[in-house]
Amino acid sequence: MYIAPTTNIRLLTGVPLDSHYENTLYFSSLSAQVSYFIGKTKYNLVEQTFNRVTNGVSRVGLPVNSLYDCNYMMFQNTGFGNKWFFAFIDSVEYVNNTVSEVHFTIDVMQTWFFDYTLEQCFVERCHSATDAIGDNIVPEPVDPGEMVYNSYGRLATGDNGLVNYVIILAINDVSGSNAFAGKYDLIPSGSALWAFNSGDLPSVEAKINEYIQRPDAVTALYVAPQRILGWSPVDGGENILNHYGVDTHSKPVVSFTQTLPEAHRVGNNSTLNGYTPKNKKLLTYPFNYLEVLTGTGSALTLRYEFFDGTPAFDIGGTIAQPVSVSLRPDNYKGTPSGQHMSDEQLSLSGYPMGSWLNDAYEAWVAQQSVPLALSAVGSIGSGFVSGLATGNLPAAVVGAGMAGIGAVTNVLSEKYQASIAADQFHGTNSGGNVNFALSFLDFYAGRRSVNAQFARIIDDYFSMFGYAQKCIMIPPKHNRAQWTYVKTIGCQGSGSVPNDDAVAIDTIYNNGVRFWAVPANLGNYSLTNGTL
């Protein structure tokens, strides 16, 4: 049976595709696809004999030297339909001076681009449809390298920090039948606490001297952050219980919210060690994260993407010994404000205790002068009464005088011993803390990230291969403005496609393929590949 030669063959040049299928082109419509490839035509051969798809060879009436720059072809057997077949030119072979053979392989991705429908399958990685900070947090198989600080400083500055401190005196000041002076940090206490400005040592000394008759009543002297008082004591000190006025037996636990300073926050324009990433996943953990530290070496790693809004912290502390301050992230990992995760916290402790001296002589005078005087008078009085009873007054007076002299002698002796005795030491002389002494005892914050070199390496990797997805979805072809990479496991599609070509298409997706939306830009990874 005679078949009229109606096949149309176009030999193309400059098509940026090859049979490795690492890259292919994305078209929104069949007309756009055909129009692009026709625009690459070098030779348009009409009324050619039927071109067998599986044969892989076309004989054309052109000298071989004119075909060496042709790398792609498209043909249409119009006598049997309007479908265009697209193919890679593998080689050209000389037949004679005017005839050549073109060896080709069908480009299954472009030939069946609009005939093959992808089904849901496991997508290992691809370029995501969105790229806001926190949208993509699936772990990546890359080494972040050595981390560096992009910012570092106190979590709260100025008067809002924990460096400003007060001096606390604990005084056993209960009387009568009372067993407790008050309740601090929800714990009953037999001592009342007095707070003094750190520079007001004269007032501290004056308060201690009020108890010179019973120096053991002053049970402790220590320091605490001023901010956990919730107020600043005036010079002269204030009793903590009386200041709060909730009731005379309770001091509430003080807590406050501290917002992360802007210097430590992260945004779309944030840099990593000076490098500005194109892919916003680099601004999430483990490539970029918030670290909160104490001045004692402890650290808490927090993820910006898990905060609901601007990062903030709830900070509270105890006022009784041992003083401790805790920090917990607020509105973090889905917990509502005011409800905190017990495993996401940081504690600050080590606030030192101080020491003080009582003058031994003054304490002795205050404690013993009245009792000793009564003792001396008692001795004289007893001798005088005895003489009156016996009628021997002179002897009684003499005896009483001798007894009085003994009592006075004892008084003078004890007075001398007290005057040369060492002052009485109270508290501890080993409660120092080097971090407190250097004003380091506070909470600090810092934004840590990969260094600039690793940031660039990882950013380039994300640019070429997208993000890890590891979920079931329909493999995307066009999620980004310039190119979209997708790699699947167990890809399965359907359509009016020969089985061998369908299997080949599945394999291409499983190996990973990149769809370029702008053919002229194929291979140009320096472009901004933003979301649609």
Protein backbone atom coordinates (compact mmCIF):
# COMPACT_ATOMS: atom_id res chain seq x y z
CA MET A 1 0.00 0.00 0.00
CA TYR A 2 1.36 3.32 -1.02
CA ILE A 3 1.66 5.95 1.74
CA ALA A 4 2.14 9.51 0.62
CA PRO A 5 5.14 11.26 2.18
CA THR A 6 3.44 13.74 4.51
CA THR A 7 5.78 13.68 7.52
CA ASN A 8 7.14 17.01 8.75
CA ILE A 9 10.64 16.94 10.32
CA ARG A 10 12.27 19.94 11.97
CA LEU A 11 15.95 19.80 12.87
CA LEU A 12 16.67 22.15 15.75
CA THR A 13 19.75 23.82 17.14
CA GLY A 14 20.54 25.33 20.53
CA VAL A 15 17.99 23.34 22.55
CA PRO A 16 19.40 23.16 26.13
CA LEU A 17 18.39 19.54 26.80
CA ASP A 18 20.13 16.17 26.83
CA SER A 19 19.18 12.59 27.50
CA HIS A 20 20.55 12.58 31.07
CA TYR A 21 17.22 14.14 32.09
CA GLU A 22 18.72 16.08 34.99
CA ASN A 23 17.01 19.11 33.48
CA THR A 24 13.96 19.53 31.32
CA LEU A 25 11.61 22.37 30.37
CA TYR A 26 8.28 23.35 31.83
CA PHE A 27 5.49 24.64 29.60
CA SER A 28 2.08 25.79 30.70
CA SER A 29 0.40 24.69 27.45
CA LEU A 30 0.98 22.56 24.38
CA SER A 31 0.93 25.62 22.13
CA ALA A 32 3.67 27.24 24.23
CA GLN A 33 5.74 24.07 23.99
CA VAL A 34 5.42 23.71 20.21
CA SER A 35 6.03 27.41 19.66
CA TYR A 36 9.29 27.32 21.65
CA PHE A 37 10.75 24.34 19.77
CA ILE A 38 9.70 25.63 16.37
CA GLY A 39 11.61 28.78 17.22
CA LYS A 40 14.79 26.66 17.40
CA THR A 41 14.37 25.31 13.82
CA LYS A 42 17.38 25.22 11.49
CA TYR A 43 15.85 22.99 8.81
CA ASN A 44 12.17 22.41 8.16
CA LEU A 45 11.74 19.30 6.01
CA VAL A 46 8.25 18.66 4.64
CA GLU A 47 6.70 15.77 2.72
CA GLN A 48 9.15 13.29 4.23
CA THR A 49 8.54 9.56 4.36
CA PHE A 50 6.94 8.14 7.53
CA ASN A 51 9.29 8.51 10.49
CA ARG A 52 9.22 5.48 12.76
CA VAL A 53 9.34 6.45 16.45
CA THR A 54 11.06 3.30 17.66
CA ASN A 55 13.46 2.94 14.77
CA GLY A 56 15.54 5.91 15.91
CA VAL A 57 16.85 6.80 12.44
CA SER A 58 15.71 9.40 9.90
CA ARG A 59 17.24 9.73 6.46
CA VAL A 60 17.27 13.34 5.25
CA GLY A 61 18.45 15.00 2.07
CA LEU A 62 21.09 17.20 3.67
CA PRO A 63 24.91 17.01 3.69
CA VAL A 64 26.25 15.74 6.97
CA ASN A 65 28.47 18.74 7.65
CA SER A 66 25.39 20.97 7.80
CA LEU A 67 23.88 18.92 10.66
CA TYR A 68 26.65 18.87 13.23
CA ASP A 69 25.17 21.83 15.15
CA CYS A 70 21.71 20.24 15.32
CA ASN A 71 21.12 18.64 18.72
CA TYR A 72 17.35 18.19 18.79
CA MET A 73 14.49 17.39 16.46
CA MET A 74 10.72 17.28 16.31
CA PHE A 75 8.58 15.46 13.80
CA GLN A 76 4.94 14.98 12.99
CA ASN A 77 3.50 12.12 10.93
CA THR A 78 0.60 14.22 9.72
CA GLY A 79 -0.86 11.37 7.68
CA PHE A 80 -1.65 9.59 10.98
CA GLY A 81 -2.34 12.46 13.37
CA ASN A 82 -1.19 15.81 14.63
CA LYS A 83 1.02 14.66 17.52
CA TRP A 84 4.48 16.11 17.73
CA PHE A 85 7.32 13.85 18.81
CA PHE A 86 10.39 15.42 20.36
CA ALA A 87 13.78 13.73 20.28
CA PHE A 88 17.47 14.14 21.08
CA ILE A 89 19.81 13.88 18.09
CA ASP A 90 22.39 11.36 19.21
CA SER A 91 24.53 11.46 16.10
CA VAL A 92 24.53 12.17 12.36
CA GLU A 93 26.04 9.82 9.78
CA TYR A 94 27.26 10.34 6.22
CA VAL A 95 25.40 8.43 3.48
CA ASN A 96 26.50 10.37 0.44
CA ASN A 97 27.24 13.97 -0.39
CA THR A 98 23.57 14.98 -0.28
CA VAL A 99 22.05 12.43 2.09
CA SER A 100 22.63 11.87 5.83
CA GLU A 101 21.17 9.69 8.55
CA VAL A 102 20.04 11.29 11.79
CA HIS A 103 20.09 8.95 14.78
CA PHE A 104 17.73 10.06 17.57
CA THR A 105 16.21 9.04 20.92
CA ILE A 106 12.69 10.11 21.87
CA ASP A 107 12.57 12.71 24.64
CA VAL A 108 9.90 11.03 26.76
CA MET A 109 9.49 14.03 29.09
CA GLN A 110 8.62 16.50 26.34
CA THR A 111 6.86 14.06 24.01
CA TRP A 112 4.37 12.97 26.69
CA PHE A 113 4.44 16.17 28.78
CA PHE A 114 0.69 16.77 28.42
CA ASP A 115 -0.34 13.13 28.09
CA TYR A 116 1.12 11.76 31.34
CA THR A 117 -0.57 12.48 34.69
CA LEU A 118 1.35 12.08 37.94
CA GLU A 119 -0.31 10.38 40.90
CA GLN A 120 0.48 10.78 44.56
CA CYS A 121 3.75 9.23 45.61
CA PHE A 122 6.53 9.70 48.14
CA VAL A 123 8.39 12.92 47.38
CA GLU A 124 11.87 12.82 48.86
CA ARG A 125 12.70 16.45 48.12
CA CYS A 126 11.58 19.31 45.90
CA HIS A 127 11.38 23.07 45.77
CA SER A 128 8.59 24.04 48.14
CA ALA A 129 5.57 26.09 47.13
CA THR A 130 6.23 28.52 50.02
CA ASP A 131 9.47 29.68 51.56
CA ALA A 132 8.54 31.72 54.62
CA ILE A 133 10.68 31.24 57.72
CA GLY A 134 9.42 28.11 59.46
CA ASP A 135 7.48 26.67 56.51
CA ASN A 136 10.13 24.02 55.85
CA ILE A 137 11.74 22.36 58.85
CA VAL A 138 12.29 18.74 57.75
CA PRO A 139 15.90 17.78 58.67
CA GLU A 140 18.51 17.98 55.91
CA PRO A 141 21.46 15.65 55.24
CA VAL A 142 24.03 18.45 55.37
CA ASP A 143 26.76 19.38 57.83
CA PRO A 144 26.26 22.89 59.25
CA GLY A 145 29.91 23.14 60.28
CA GLU A 146 31.18 25.36 63.08
CA MET A 147 28.55 27.74 64.42
CA VAL A 148 29.19 31.44 65.00
CA TYR A 149 27.41 34.27 66.79
CA ASN A 150 25.68 36.92 64.69
CA SER A 151 24.72 38.83 67.84
CA TYR A 152 25.45 38.45 71.53
CA GLY A 153 24.57 40.46 74.61
CA ARG A 154 22.50 40.64 77.75
CA LEU A 155 18.92 39.55 77.30
CA ALA A 156 17.77 42.71 79.05
CA THR A 157 19.85 45.86 79.19
CA GLY A 158 20.06 48.77 81.60
CA ASP A 159 17.75 48.74 84.59
CA ASN A 160 15.84 45.80 83.12
CA GLY A 161 18.73 43.40 83.61
CA LEU A 162 19.59 41.25 86.59
CA VAL A 163 22.94 42.89 87.34
CA ASN A 164 21.49 45.54 89.65
CA TYR A 165 21.17 43.87 93.02
CA VAL A 166 19.96 44.49 96.55
CA ILE A 167 21.26 43.40 99.91
CA ILE A 168 18.91 41.20 101.92
CA LEU A 169 19.05 40.84 105.71
CA ALA A 170 17.21 37.94 107.30
CA ILE A 171 16.29 38.80 110.88
CA ASN A 172 14.70 36.45 113.40
CA ASP A 173 12.18 38.99 114.61
CA VAL A 174 9.20 36.98 115.83
CA SER A 175 7.70 37.73 119.20
CA GLY A 176 5.10 36.39 121.55
CA SER A 177 3.46 33.19 120.44
CA ASN A 178 4.27 33.77 116.75
CA ALA A 179 6.30 30.97 115.19
CA PHE A 180 6.74 32.62 111.80
CA ALA A 181 7.69 36.10 110.71
CA GLY A 182 6.08 35.63 107.31
CA LYS A 183 5.96 33.53 104.18
CA TYR A 184 8.46 33.94 101.35
CA ASP A 185 8.21 32.14 98.02
CA LEU A 186 5.20 30.27 99.50
CA ILE A 187 7.41 28.85 102.31
CA PRO A 188 6.81 29.89 105.97
CA SER A 189 9.84 31.59 107.52
CA GLY A 190 10.86 32.45 111.03
CA SER A 191 12.87 35.43 109.75
CA ALA A 192 11.74 38.74 108.34
CA LEU A 193 13.55 39.93 105.24
CA TRP A 194 14.77 43.48 104.77
CA ALA A 195 15.97 44.81 101.42
CA PHE A 196 18.57 47.58 100.97
CA ASN A 197 20.03 49.28 97.93
CA SER A 198 23.41 47.74 97.18
CA GLY A 199 25.24 51.00 97.82
CA ASP A 200 23.48 51.74 101.10
CA LEU A 201 25.85 49.93 103.46
CA PRO A 202 25.35 52.45 106.31
CA SER A 203 21.69 51.49 106.48
CA VAL A 204 22.59 47.80 106.48
CA GLU A 205 25.01 48.41 109.35
CA ALA A 206 22.45 50.45 111.26
CA LYS A 207 19.89 47.67 110.91
CA ILE A 208 22.35 45.09 112.21
CA ASN A 209 23.20 47.34 115.17
CA GLU A 210 19.54 47.46 116.15
CA TYR A 211 20.03 43.88 117.27
CA ILE A 212 23.27 44.37 119.14
CA GLN A 213 21.70 42.97 122.32
CA ARG A 214 20.90 39.74 120.44
CA PRO A 215 23.29 39.56 117.47
CA ASP A 216 22.23 36.01 116.62
CA ALA A 217 18.85 37.38 115.54
CA VAL A 218 20.47 38.48 112.26
CA THR A 219 20.60 35.10 110.56
CA ALA A 220 21.75 35.86 107.01
CA LEU A 221 23.07 38.55 104.70
CA TYR A 222 23.00 37.93 100.95
CA VAL A 223 22.35 39.56 97.60
CA ALA A 224 19.53 39.14 95.10
CA PRO A 225 18.62 40.71 91.73
CA GLN A 226 16.66 43.89 92.30
CA ARG A 227 14.23 43.10 89.50
CA ILE A 228 12.78 40.01 91.19
CA LEU A 229 11.67 42.24 94.06
CA GLY A 230 9.34 44.02 91.66
CA TRP A 231 10.35 47.35 93.22
CA SER A 232 13.38 49.35 94.32
CA PRO A 233 13.98 49.82 98.04
CA VAL A 234 14.59 53.32 99.32
CA ASP A 235 17.65 54.23 101.36
CA GLY A 236 17.25 52.86 104.84
CA GLY A 237 15.82 49.57 103.61
CA GLU A 238 12.29 48.25 103.58
CA ASN A 239 10.69 45.18 105.01
CA ILE A 240 9.64 43.04 102.07
CA LEU A 241 6.46 41.76 103.66
CA ASN A 242 5.22 45.20 104.63
CA HIS A 243 6.09 46.63 101.24
CA TYR A 244 3.90 44.28 99.27
CA GLY A 245 0.91 44.82 101.49
CA VAL A 246 -0.95 41.78 100.15
CA ASP A 247 -1.11 40.71 103.74
CA THR A 248 1.41 40.90 106.50
CA HIS A 249 2.40 37.26 106.14
CA SER A 250 3.05 36.79 102.45
CA LYS A 251 5.43 38.01 99.76
CA PRO A 252 4.22 36.91 96.29
CA VAL A 253 6.57 35.32 93.80
CA VAL A 254 7.56 37.97 91.27
CA SER A 255 7.79 37.21 87.55
CA PHE A 256 7.98 39.42 84.48
CA THR A 257 7.98 39.06 80.71
CA GLN A 258 11.11 39.95 78.77
CA THR A 259 10.84 40.44 75.01
CA LEU A 260 13.86 39.46 72.93
CA PRO A 261 15.75 42.62 71.88
CA GLU A 262 15.58 43.37 68.18
CA ALA A 263 19.32 42.82 67.75
CA HIS A 264 18.81 39.08 68.38
CA ARG A 265 15.70 38.55 66.26
CA VAL A 266 15.54 37.00 62.80
CA GLY A 267 13.80 38.24 59.67
CA ASN A 268 13.72 37.67 55.92
CA ASN A 269 16.67 40.02 55.43
CA SER A 270 18.83 38.53 58.18
CA THR A 271 22.35 37.54 57.25
CA LEU A 272 24.37 34.54 58.34
CA ASN A 273 27.83 35.65 59.35
CA GLY A 274 27.47 38.40 56.75
CA TYR A 275 26.01 36.17 54.01
CA THR A 276 22.44 36.80 52.82
CA PRO A 277 20.77 33.46 52.01
CA LYS A 278 18.41 33.03 49.07
CA ASN A 279 16.66 30.06 50.65
CA LYS A 280 14.86 30.95 53.87
CA LYS A 281 15.26 27.48 55.34
CA LEU A 282 18.77 28.62 56.23
CA LEU A 283 17.16 31.00 58.72
CA THR A 284 15.75 28.07 60.71
CA TYR A 285 17.28 25.42 62.97
CA PRO A 286 19.95 23.96 62.82
CA PHE A 287 21.40 26.59 60.50
CA ASN A 288 20.16 29.57 62.50
CA TYR A 289 18.76 29.56 66.03
CA LEU A 290 18.46 31.50 69.26
CA GLU A 291 20.65 30.66 72.22
CA VAL A 292 19.94 31.91 75.74
CA LEU A 293 22.78 31.58 78.22
CA THR A 294 23.65 32.27 81.84
CA GLY A 295 26.82 33.88 83.05
CA THR A 296 27.73 30.52 84.55
CA GLY A 297 28.06 28.52 81.33
CA SER A 298 24.60 26.94 80.93
CA ALA A 299 22.77 27.42 77.63
CA LEU A 300 19.31 26.80 76.20
CA THR A 301 18.86 26.35 72.44
CA LEU A 302 15.56 27.67 71.06
CA ARG A 303 14.13 27.67 67.54
CA TYR A 304 12.85 30.94 66.12
CA GLU A 305 10.25 29.09 64.03
CA PHE A 306 8.57 27.66 67.14
CA PHE A 307 7.79 31.04 68.73
CA ASP A 308 4.34 32.48 68.17
CA GLY A 309 5.32 36.02 67.26
CA THR A 310 8.26 37.92 68.69
CA PRO A 311 10.29 35.70 71.06
CA ALA A 312 9.61 36.50 74.70
CA PHE A 313 10.46 34.93 78.04
CA ASP A 314 8.91 34.63 81.46
CA ILE A 315 11.48 35.28 84.17
CA GLY A 316 10.83 34.74 87.86
CA GLY A 317 12.87 34.21 90.97
CA THR A 318 12.94 33.41 94.66
CA ILE A 319 13.88 36.00 97.24
CA ALA A 320 14.80 33.64 100.07
CA GLN A 321 18.08 31.77 100.18
CA PRO A 322 19.24 30.15 98.00
CA VAL A 323 18.27 32.82 95.49
CA SER A 324 17.45 31.37 92.07
CA VAL A 325 16.06 32.90 88.89
CA SER A 326 14.41 30.83 86.15
CA LEU A 327 13.76 31.65 82.50
CA ARG A 328 11.14 29.96 80.31
CA PRO A 329 10.19 30.77 76.70
CA ASP A 330 6.74 32.28 76.29
CA ASN A 331 4.30 31.25 73.53
CA TYR A 332 6.72 28.55 72.43
CA LYS A 333 5.96 25.24 70.70
CA GLY A 334 2.25 25.80 70.98
CA THR A 335 2.10 26.50 74.70
CA PRO A 336 -0.15 29.48 75.52
CA SER A 337 1.19 32.52 77.31
CA GLY A 338 1.72 31.88 81.00
CA GLN A 339 1.90 28.10 80.61
CA HIS A 340 5.44 26.93 80.23
CA MET A 341 7.25 23.75 79.30
CA SER A 342 9.13 22.24 82.22
CA ASP A 343 11.87 20.85 79.98
CA GLU A 344 12.56 24.18 78.25
CA GLN A 345 14.00 26.38 80.96
CA LEU A 346 17.21 27.88 82.23
CA SER A 347 18.15 28.58 85.84
CA LEU A 348 20.47 31.22 87.22
CA SER A 349 21.88 30.76 90.71
CA GLY A 350 25.03 31.37 92.70
CA TYR A 351 24.09 34.69 94.29
CA PRO A 352 26.57 34.90 97.16
CA MET A 353 26.08 35.30 100.88
CA GLY A 354 27.91 38.01 102.76
CA SER A 355 29.35 38.35 106.25
CA TRP A 356 29.29 40.95 109.03
CA LEU A 357 30.92 41.68 112.39
CA ASN A 358 29.49 42.54 115.77
CA ASP A 359 31.72 44.52 118.15
CA ALA A 360 32.30 42.10 121.06
CA TYR A 361 32.66 44.89 123.63
CA GLU A 362 29.55 46.79 122.60
CA ALA A 363 27.58 43.55 122.46
CA TRP A 364 28.83 42.64 125.95
CA VAL A 365 27.92 46.05 127.39
CA ALA A 366 24.47 45.91 125.80
CA GLN A 367 23.84 42.39 126.99
CA GLN A 368 25.47 42.33 130.43
CA SER A 369 25.51 45.79 132.01
CA VAL A 370 22.05 45.59 133.59
CA PRO A 371 22.31 41.97 134.80
CA LEU A 372 25.75 42.58 136.34
CA ALA A 373 24.65 45.73 138.14
CA LEU A 374 21.72 43.90 139.61
CA SER A 375 24.11 41.13 140.68
CA ALA A 376 26.37 43.60 142.54
CA VAL A 377 23.45 45.34 144.27
CA GLY A 378 22.04 41.98 145.20
CA SER A 379 25.28 40.99 146.91
CA ILE A 380 25.39 44.20 149.02
CA GLY A 381 21.71 44.03 149.83
CA SER A 382 21.85 40.46 151.10
CA GLY A 383 24.68 41.26 153.59
CA PHE A 384 22.90 44.30 154.92
CA VAL A 385 19.67 42.41 155.55
CA SER A 386 21.58 39.63 157.28
CA GLY A 387 23.30 42.13 159.65
CA LEU A 388 20.00 43.66 160.59
CA ALA A 389 18.66 40.27 161.49
CA THR A 390 21.60 39.40 163.80
CA GLY A 391 22.14 42.85 165.25
CA ASN A 392 25.74 42.83 164.02
CA LEU A 393 25.48 45.68 161.58
CA PRO A 394 29.14 46.75 161.33
CA ALA A 395 30.32 43.23 160.56
CA ALA A 396 27.47 42.80 158.18
CA VAL A 397 28.34 46.01 156.40
CA VAL A 398 31.96 45.00 156.18
CA GLY A 399 30.99 41.58 154.80
CA ALA A 400 28.62 43.12 152.35
CA GLY A 401 31.32 45.52 151.24
CA MET A 402 33.69 42.69 150.63
CA ALA A 403 31.05 40.83 148.62
CA GLY A 404 30.34 44.00 146.61
CA ILE A 405 34.00 44.45 145.83
CA GLY A 406 34.09 40.86 144.50
CA ALA A 407 31.11 41.47 142.27
CA VAL A 408 32.59 44.69 140.92
CA THR A 409 35.89 42.93 140.38
CA ASN A 410 34.10 40.28 138.33
CA VAL A 411 32.38 42.97 136.31
CA LEU A 412 35.63 44.73 135.55
CA SER A 413 37.31 41.48 134.66
CA GLU A 414 34.56 40.48 132.22
CA LYS A 415 34.56 44.00 130.81
CA TYR A 416 38.28 43.79 130.14
CA GLN A 417 37.94 40.37 128.52
CA ALA A 418 35.17 41.70 126.23
CA SER A 419 37.21 44.77 125.27
CA ILE A 420 40.16 42.69 124.05
CA ALA A 421 38.06 39.92 122.46
CA ALA A 422 37.87 39.65 118.67
CA ASP A 423 34.73 40.98 117.01
CA GLN A 424 32.07 38.34 116.48
CA PHE A 425 32.00 37.05 112.87
CA HIS A 426 28.70 36.06 111.25
CA GLY A 427 27.78 34.72 107.84
CA THR A 428 30.23 33.15 105.45
CA ASN A 429 33.53 34.31 104.06
CA SER A 430 33.53 31.73 101.27
CA GLY A 431 30.34 32.67 99.43
CA GLY A 432 31.99 34.61 96.62
CA ASN A 433 31.10 34.01 92.99
CA VAL A 434 33.49 35.13 90.28
CA ASN A 435 30.67 35.62 87.78
CA PHE A 436 28.83 37.83 90.25
CA ALA A 437 32.00 39.73 91.09
CA LEU A 438 32.58 40.43 87.40
CA SER A 439 28.90 41.36 86.85
CA PHE A 440 28.39 38.35 84.55
CA LEU A 441 25.58 36.76 86.58
CA ASP A 442 22.72 37.48 84.18
CA PHE A 443 20.86 36.01 81.21
CA TYR A 444 22.39 36.52 77.78
CA ALA A 445 21.02 36.02 74.28
CA GLY A 446 22.69 35.38 70.96
CA ARG A 447 21.72 34.44 67.42
CA ARG A 448 23.91 31.57 66.26
CA SER A 449 24.26 30.39 62.70
CA VAL A 450 26.46 28.58 60.24
CA ASN A 451 29.47 30.56 59.12
CA ALA A 452 29.42 32.42 55.81
CA GLN A 453 31.33 29.74 53.89
CA PHE A 454 29.04 26.91 54.94
CA ALA A 455 26.00 29.13 54.47
CA ARG A 456 26.92 29.66 50.83
CA ILE A 457 27.54 25.93 50.28
CA ILE A 458 24.23 24.90 51.84
CA ASP A 459 22.37 27.71 50.07
CA ASP A 460 23.67 26.51 46.70
CA TYR A 461 22.61 22.97 47.55
CA PHE A 462 19.08 24.14 48.38
CA SER A 463 18.99 26.23 45.21
CA MET A 464 19.75 23.22 43.03
CA PHE A 465 17.89 20.49 44.87
CA GLY A 466 15.18 22.16 46.92
CA TYR A 467 14.23 21.05 50.44
CA ALA A 468 13.67 17.67 52.01
CA GLN A 469 9.94 16.83 52.04
CA LYS A 470 9.66 13.12 52.89
CA CYS A 471 5.91 12.99 52.46
CA ILE A 472 3.23 11.76 50.08
CA MET A 473 2.11 14.30 47.50
CA ILE A 474 1.71 14.83 43.77
CA PRO A 475 5.19 15.69 42.49
CA PRO A 476 5.28 19.39 41.57
CA LYS A 477 6.58 20.71 38.25
CA HIS A 478 6.18 24.43 38.77
CA ASN A 479 6.54 25.75 42.33
CA ARG A 480 9.15 28.41 41.63
CA ALA A 481 9.61 31.28 39.20
CA GLN A 482 12.73 29.92 37.47
CA TRP A 483 13.14 26.21 38.17
CA THR A 484 11.59 23.47 40.28
CA TYR A 485 13.47 20.34 41.31
CA VAL A 486 11.64 17.17 42.35
CA LYS A 487 12.85 13.71 43.39
CA THR A 488 10.49 10.88 44.21
CA ILE A 489 10.46 7.32 45.50
CA GLY A 490 8.08 4.92 43.76
CA CYS A 491 6.72 7.42 41.25
CA GLN A 492 3.61 6.21 39.48
CA GLY A 493 1.74 7.97 36.68
CA SER A 494 -1.03 7.28 34.24
CA GLY A 495 -2.08 8.34 30.74
CA SER A 496 -2.15 7.38 27.06
CA VAL A 497 1.56 6.60 27.02
CA PRO A 498 3.41 3.48 25.82
CA ASN A 499 4.49 1.38 28.80
CA ASP A 500 8.21 1.59 28.15
CA ASP A 501 8.03 5.38 28.01
CA ALA A 502 5.85 5.50 31.15
CA VAL A 503 8.42 3.41 33.03
CA ALA A 504 11.17 5.70 31.75
CA ILE A 505 9.28 8.76 33.00
CA ASP A 506 8.82 7.16 36.45
CA THR A 507 12.55 6.46 36.59
CA ILE A 508 13.39 10.05 35.70
CA TYR A 509 11.29 11.34 38.61
CA ASN A 510 12.83 8.79 40.98
CA ASN A 511 16.31 9.92 39.92
CA GLY A 512 15.41 13.59 40.30
CA VAL A 513 14.65 16.12 37.59
CA ARG A 514 14.62 19.91 37.37
CA PHE A 515 11.92 21.79 35.41
CA TRP A 516 12.96 25.15 33.99
CA ALA A 517 10.16 27.65 33.41
CA VAL A 518 12.30 29.99 31.30
CA PRO A 519 14.30 27.93 28.76
CA ALA A 520 16.81 30.72 28.14
CA ASN A 521 17.78 30.65 31.85
CA LEU A 522 18.44 26.92 32.10
CA GLY A 523 21.57 26.38 34.19
CA ASN A 524 21.69 29.93 35.58
CA TYR A 525 21.49 29.29 39.33
CA SER A 526 22.47 32.84 40.18
CA LEU A 527 18.90 33.96 39.51
CA THR A 528 16.42 34.60 42.29
CA ASN A 529 14.15 31.57 42.30
CA GLY A 530 11.23 32.98 44.25
CA THR A 531 7.92 31.32 44.96
CA LEU A 532 4.97 31.93 42.65
